[in-house]
Amino acid sequence: MHSSSTPRVIALTGSTRGIGLACAQAFARAGATVIVNGRTEQGIAEAKAAFPETAQVYGVCADVTTEAGAQAFADGCRAVAPRLDALISCVGNGAWATGYPVPWSEWEGAFAQNFWCHVRTVDACLPLLRAGSPSSICLIGSIAGLQHLGAPVPYAVAKSALHTYAKELSFSLATDGIRVNVIHPGNILVPGGRWEQKRAADPDRIHAMLQASVPQQRFGTPEEVASLVEYVSRPEAAFVTGSAFVVDGGQTTSFS
């Protein structure tokens, strides 16, 4: 445990663009020391340039979809600080084959980038999170893991596994003073992302989809997800653990 006057240390995987970058910026605005992560030094440099000069931002280049990469990320975080107050695991990729059956390589790839990367990152960073206790973990899932939306099957199943993992992990780590929550975004429009590409290719179809499927009839923004991630990671949210939050403009229809 550290003094309340000491800046919090927040590490975020997959945070050089999109939701991950928006989350990192939200923590930086709140005065935290931020550790961003990506697979290339160029990506990290571009992400760091998106912060004010006064922000305390560090970068760790590592591919956390591999065991060695996850450990390299944890080692890089340890070089910045001896503890983590929060870990935000943002890595994900929905670009997989649709239909069924799908090649086995698609299953392996979808799970590597949407489930195992989260497990590997948590395992590698656990000593740092214990050192920062009370601390928290926030995993970024998808509404595709909550109900059928026509997403690629391997992707949906991997995100469903992540949903269950978050709940089970919250029980396992509660006595360590580590909270665990998962946030499931809906259709988030990211510059250069898949939804922007789909909208450019067929704007009428995407407009019709939003009108028919999303009660708010629009895309969400990375900042709208980030504001919730930042909140559930605060010390003030100390009684919030084992919870799943949906940020989707009302698209999901389940009461659970």
Protein backbone atom coordinates (compact mmCIF):
# COMPACT_ATOMS: atom_id res chain seq x y z
CA MET A 1 0.00 0.00 0.00
CA HIS A 2 1.23 3.49 -0.84
CA SER A 3 0.57 7.04 0.25
CA SER A 4 -2.49 8.72 -1.22
CA SER A 5 -0.21 11.59 -2.29
CA THR A 6 1.79 9.28 -4.56
CA PRO A 7 0.54 9.09 -8.16
CA ARG A 8 -1.21 5.83 -8.96
CA VAL A 9 0.52 3.54 -11.47
CA ILE A 10 -1.73 2.17 -14.20
CA ALA A 11 -0.57 -0.32 -16.85
CA LEU A 12 -2.59 -0.89 -19.99
CA THR A 13 -2.01 -3.53 -22.66
CA GLY A 14 -3.10 -2.83 -26.23
CA SER A 15 -3.13 0.88 -25.52
CA THR A 16 -1.55 2.59 -28.52
CA ARG A 17 -4.90 3.26 -30.19
CA GLY A 18 -8.65 2.96 -29.81
CA ILE A 19 -10.22 2.06 -26.47
CA GLY A 20 -6.88 1.31 -24.85
CA LEU A 21 -5.42 4.70 -25.72
CA ALA A 22 -8.58 6.49 -24.59
CA CYS A 23 -8.35 4.66 -21.26
CA ALA A 24 -4.70 5.63 -20.85
CA GLN A 25 -5.54 9.26 -21.55
CA ALA A 26 -8.36 9.18 -18.99
CA PHE A 27 -6.01 7.89 -16.30
CA ALA A 28 -3.39 10.47 -17.22
CA ARG A 29 -5.98 13.25 -16.87
CA ALA A 30 -6.72 11.89 -13.40
CA GLY A 31 -3.05 12.35 -12.49
CA ALA A 32 -1.86 8.75 -12.72
CA THR A 33 1.46 7.48 -13.99
CA VAL A 34 0.55 5.55 -17.13
CA ILE A 35 2.32 2.63 -18.82
CA VAL A 36 1.15 2.07 -22.40
CA ASN A 37 1.82 -1.03 -24.44
CA GLY A 38 1.91 -2.05 -28.07
CA ARG A 39 3.74 -4.41 -30.38
CA THR A 40 5.89 -1.79 -32.12
CA GLU A 41 8.09 1.05 -30.90
CA GLN A 42 6.58 3.29 -33.56
CA GLY A 43 3.08 2.66 -32.24
CA ILE A 44 4.20 3.44 -28.71
CA ALA A 45 5.92 6.66 -29.82
CA GLU A 46 2.79 7.80 -31.66
CA ALA A 47 0.62 7.00 -28.65
CA LYS A 48 2.88 8.88 -26.24
CA ALA A 49 2.70 11.90 -28.54
CA ALA A 50 -1.07 11.99 -27.91
CA PHE A 51 -0.54 12.97 -24.25
CA PRO A 52 0.25 16.41 -22.81
CA GLU A 53 3.94 16.96 -22.12
CA THR A 54 3.19 17.13 -18.41
CA ALA A 55 1.74 13.60 -18.32
CA GLN A 56 3.83 10.81 -16.80
CA VAL A 57 3.67 8.25 -19.62
CA TYR A 58 5.97 5.28 -20.19
CA GLY A 59 5.92 2.67 -22.95
CA VAL A 60 6.60 -1.06 -22.96
CA CYS A 61 6.92 -2.76 -26.35
CA ALA A 62 5.76 -6.38 -26.05
CA ASP A 63 3.38 -8.83 -27.70
CA VAL A 64 1.29 -10.03 -24.76
CA THR A 65 -0.39 -12.72 -26.85
CA THR A 66 2.73 -14.79 -26.12
CA GLU A 67 3.96 -15.98 -22.74
CA ALA A 68 7.35 -14.35 -23.24
CA GLY A 69 5.72 -11.10 -24.32
CA ALA A 70 3.44 -10.99 -21.29
CA GLN A 71 6.44 -11.48 -19.02
CA ALA A 72 8.37 -8.80 -20.91
CA PHE A 73 5.44 -6.43 -20.35
CA ALA A 74 5.45 -7.17 -16.60
CA ASP A 75 9.22 -6.69 -16.47
CA GLY A 76 8.88 -3.37 -18.25
CA CYS A 77 6.24 -2.25 -15.76
CA ARG A 78 8.52 -3.26 -12.87
CA ALA A 79 11.25 -1.06 -14.34
CA VAL A 80 8.86 1.90 -14.00
CA ALA A 81 7.54 1.15 -10.51
CA PRO A 82 7.63 -1.68 -7.95
CA ARG A 83 3.84 -1.97 -7.93
CA LEU A 84 0.70 -1.57 -10.04
CA ASP A 85 -2.45 0.08 -8.74
CA ALA A 86 -4.45 -1.12 -11.73
CA LEU A 87 -4.02 -3.32 -14.78
CA ILE A 88 -6.24 -2.67 -17.80
CA SER A 89 -6.10 -5.51 -20.31
CA CYS A 90 -7.35 -4.16 -23.63
CA VAL A 91 -5.95 -6.48 -26.30
CA GLY A 92 -8.55 -7.90 -28.67
CA ASN A 93 -9.22 -8.66 -32.33
CA GLY A 94 -12.58 -9.45 -33.92
CA ALA A 95 -11.35 -10.04 -37.47
CA TRP A 96 -11.89 -13.78 -37.76
CA ALA A 97 -13.60 -16.12 -40.22
CA THR A 98 -17.38 -16.18 -40.11
CA GLY A 99 -19.63 -19.20 -40.62
CA TYR A 100 -19.01 -22.70 -39.36
CA PRO A 101 -16.93 -24.79 -39.30
CA VAL A 102 -13.85 -22.58 -39.19
CA PRO A 103 -10.22 -23.65 -39.50
CA TRP A 104 -8.50 -24.70 -36.29
CA SER A 105 -6.00 -21.90 -36.80
CA GLU A 106 -8.86 -19.41 -36.43
CA TRP A 107 -9.76 -20.89 -33.02
CA GLU A 108 -6.15 -20.69 -31.90
CA GLY A 109 -5.72 -17.13 -33.14
CA ALA A 110 -9.00 -15.86 -31.72
CA PHE A 111 -8.27 -17.32 -28.29
CA ALA A 112 -4.67 -16.09 -28.31
CA GLN A 113 -5.77 -12.52 -29.01
CA ASN A 114 -9.03 -12.42 -27.04
CA PHE A 115 -8.58 -14.75 -24.06
CA TRP A 116 -5.12 -16.19 -23.41
CA CYS A 117 -3.46 -12.77 -23.68
CA HIS A 118 -5.54 -11.59 -20.73
CA VAL A 119 -4.71 -14.66 -18.65
CA ARG A 120 -1.01 -14.39 -19.45
CA THR A 121 -0.91 -10.68 -18.65
CA VAL A 122 -2.70 -11.14 -15.32
CA ASP A 123 -0.41 -14.00 -14.32
CA ALA A 124 2.74 -12.07 -15.22
CA CYS A 125 1.59 -8.88 -13.45
CA LEU A 126 0.16 -10.53 -10.34
CA PRO A 127 3.24 -9.86 -8.14
CA LEU A 128 3.06 -6.16 -9.04
CA LEU A 129 -0.68 -6.05 -8.33
CA ARG A 130 -0.16 -7.74 -4.97
CA ALA A 131 2.52 -5.17 -4.18
CA GLY A 132 0.01 -2.42 -4.98
CA SER A 133 -2.86 -3.96 -3.01
CA PRO A 134 -5.56 -2.75 -2.80
CA SER A 135 -5.43 -2.80 -6.60
CA SER A 136 -7.66 -3.74 -9.50
CA ILE A 137 -7.86 -5.49 -12.83
CA CYS A 138 -10.20 -4.42 -15.62
CA LEU A 139 -10.58 -6.67 -18.67
CA ILE A 140 -12.04 -5.43 -21.95
CA GLY A 141 -14.46 -7.95 -23.42
CA SER A 142 -17.27 -7.59 -25.95
CA ILE A 143 -21.04 -7.88 -26.06
CA ALA A 144 -20.40 -10.66 -28.59
CA GLY A 145 -19.48 -12.80 -25.57
CA LEU A 146 -22.87 -12.20 -23.94
CA GLN A 147 -25.39 -13.06 -26.63
CA HIS A 148 -25.62 -14.06 -30.29
CA LEU A 149 -24.91 -11.09 -32.55
CA GLY A 150 -23.59 -12.81 -35.65
CA ALA A 151 -19.95 -12.29 -34.69
CA PRO A 152 -17.33 -14.87 -35.75
CA VAL A 153 -17.85 -17.96 -33.60
CA PRO A 154 -14.26 -18.24 -32.28
CA TYR A 155 -14.30 -14.56 -31.30
CA ALA A 156 -17.65 -14.79 -29.51
CA VAL A 157 -16.63 -17.93 -27.62
CA ALA A 158 -13.29 -16.41 -26.57
CA LYS A 159 -15.05 -13.31 -25.24
CA SER A 160 -17.58 -15.49 -23.44
CA ALA A 161 -14.67 -17.33 -21.79
CA LEU A 162 -13.22 -13.96 -20.74
CA HIS A 163 -16.53 -13.04 -19.10
CA THR A 164 -16.45 -16.21 -16.99
CA TYR A 165 -12.73 -15.82 -16.26
CA ALA A 166 -13.30 -12.35 -14.80
CA LYS A 167 -15.94 -13.64 -12.40
CA GLU A 168 -13.89 -16.62 -11.26
CA LEU A 169 -10.75 -14.49 -10.93
CA SER A 170 -12.57 -12.01 -8.71
CA PHE A 171 -13.19 -14.79 -6.18
CA SER A 172 -9.62 -16.05 -6.39
CA LEU A 173 -7.99 -12.66 -5.83
CA ALA A 174 -10.41 -11.03 -3.37
CA THR A 175 -8.37 -12.01 -0.32
CA ASP A 176 -5.30 -10.46 -1.97
CA GLY A 177 -7.07 -7.12 -2.09
CA ILE A 178 -7.31 -7.23 -5.89
CA ARG A 179 -10.61 -6.39 -7.54
CA VAL A 180 -11.52 -7.81 -10.97
CA ASN A 181 -14.14 -6.46 -13.37
CA VAL A 182 -14.89 -6.84 -17.07
CA ILE A 183 -16.34 -4.25 -19.44
CA HIS A 184 -18.14 -5.33 -22.61
CA PRO A 185 -18.24 -2.63 -25.30
CA GLY A 186 -20.70 -2.70 -28.16
CA ASN A 187 -20.12 -1.03 -31.52
CA ILE A 188 -17.31 1.46 -30.87
CA LEU A 189 -16.14 3.67 -33.71
CA VAL A 190 -12.34 3.83 -33.65
CA PRO A 191 -10.34 5.88 -36.19
CA GLY A 192 -8.93 3.38 -38.67
CA GLY A 193 -10.82 0.54 -36.99
CA ARG A 194 -13.07 -2.17 -38.43
CA TRP A 195 -16.33 -0.25 -38.04
CA GLU A 196 -14.89 2.77 -39.82
CA GLN A 197 -13.75 0.51 -42.65
CA LYS A 198 -17.16 -1.21 -42.85
CA ARG A 199 -18.98 2.12 -42.86
CA ALA A 200 -16.76 3.43 -45.65
CA ALA A 201 -17.38 0.28 -47.71
CA ASP A 202 -21.17 0.19 -47.24
CA PRO A 203 -22.52 3.22 -45.38
CA ASP A 204 -26.19 2.42 -46.07
CA ARG A 205 -25.93 -1.08 -44.59
CA ILE A 206 -24.11 0.14 -41.48
CA HIS A 207 -26.62 2.97 -40.99
CA ALA A 208 -29.48 0.48 -41.27
CA MET A 209 -27.79 -1.83 -38.76
CA LEU A 210 -27.45 0.95 -36.22
CA GLN A 211 -31.04 2.04 -36.72
CA ALA A 212 -32.38 -1.49 -36.29
CA SER A 213 -30.06 -2.93 -33.61
CA VAL A 214 -28.96 -0.08 -31.34
CA PRO A 215 -31.67 1.86 -29.45
CA GLN A 216 -29.48 4.98 -29.40
CA GLN A 217 -28.97 4.48 -33.15
CA ARG A 218 -25.31 5.42 -33.15
CA PHE A 219 -21.79 4.16 -32.56
CA GLY A 220 -20.14 4.55 -29.19
CA THR A 221 -16.83 6.32 -28.69
CA PRO A 222 -13.62 5.03 -27.07
CA GLU A 223 -13.91 7.85 -24.52
CA GLU A 224 -17.34 6.58 -23.39
CA VAL A 225 -15.80 3.22 -22.59
CA ALA A 226 -12.74 4.79 -21.00
CA SER A 227 -14.77 6.84 -18.53
CA LEU A 228 -16.26 3.67 -17.07
CA VAL A 229 -12.91 1.85 -17.02
CA GLU A 230 -11.37 4.76 -15.13
CA TYR A 231 -14.23 4.79 -12.62
CA VAL A 232 -14.23 1.07 -11.75
CA SER A 233 -10.45 1.25 -11.30
CA ARG A 234 -10.60 4.03 -8.71
CA PRO A 235 -10.11 3.40 -4.99
CA GLU A 236 -13.61 4.88 -4.54
CA ALA A 237 -15.01 1.81 -6.33
CA ALA A 238 -13.58 -0.44 -3.63
CA PHE A 239 -16.77 -2.54 -3.28
CA VAL A 240 -17.08 -3.17 -7.02
CA THR A 241 -15.64 -6.54 -8.02
CA GLY A 242 -16.76 -9.56 -9.99
CA SER A 243 -18.98 -7.30 -12.07
CA ALA A 244 -19.60 -7.10 -15.81
CA PHE A 245 -20.51 -3.75 -17.34
CA VAL A 246 -22.03 -3.22 -20.78
CA VAL A 247 -21.39 -0.09 -22.86
CA ASP A 248 -23.46 -0.63 -26.00
CA GLY A 249 -26.16 2.02 -26.41
CA GLY A 250 -28.77 -0.54 -25.34
CA GLN A 251 -28.01 -3.15 -28.01
CA THR A 252 -27.98 -6.24 -25.81
CA THR A 253 -31.43 -7.49 -24.82
CA SER A 254 -30.72 -9.81 -21.89
CA PHE A 255 -31.95 -8.87 -18.41
CA SER A 256 -28.88 -10.46 -16.76
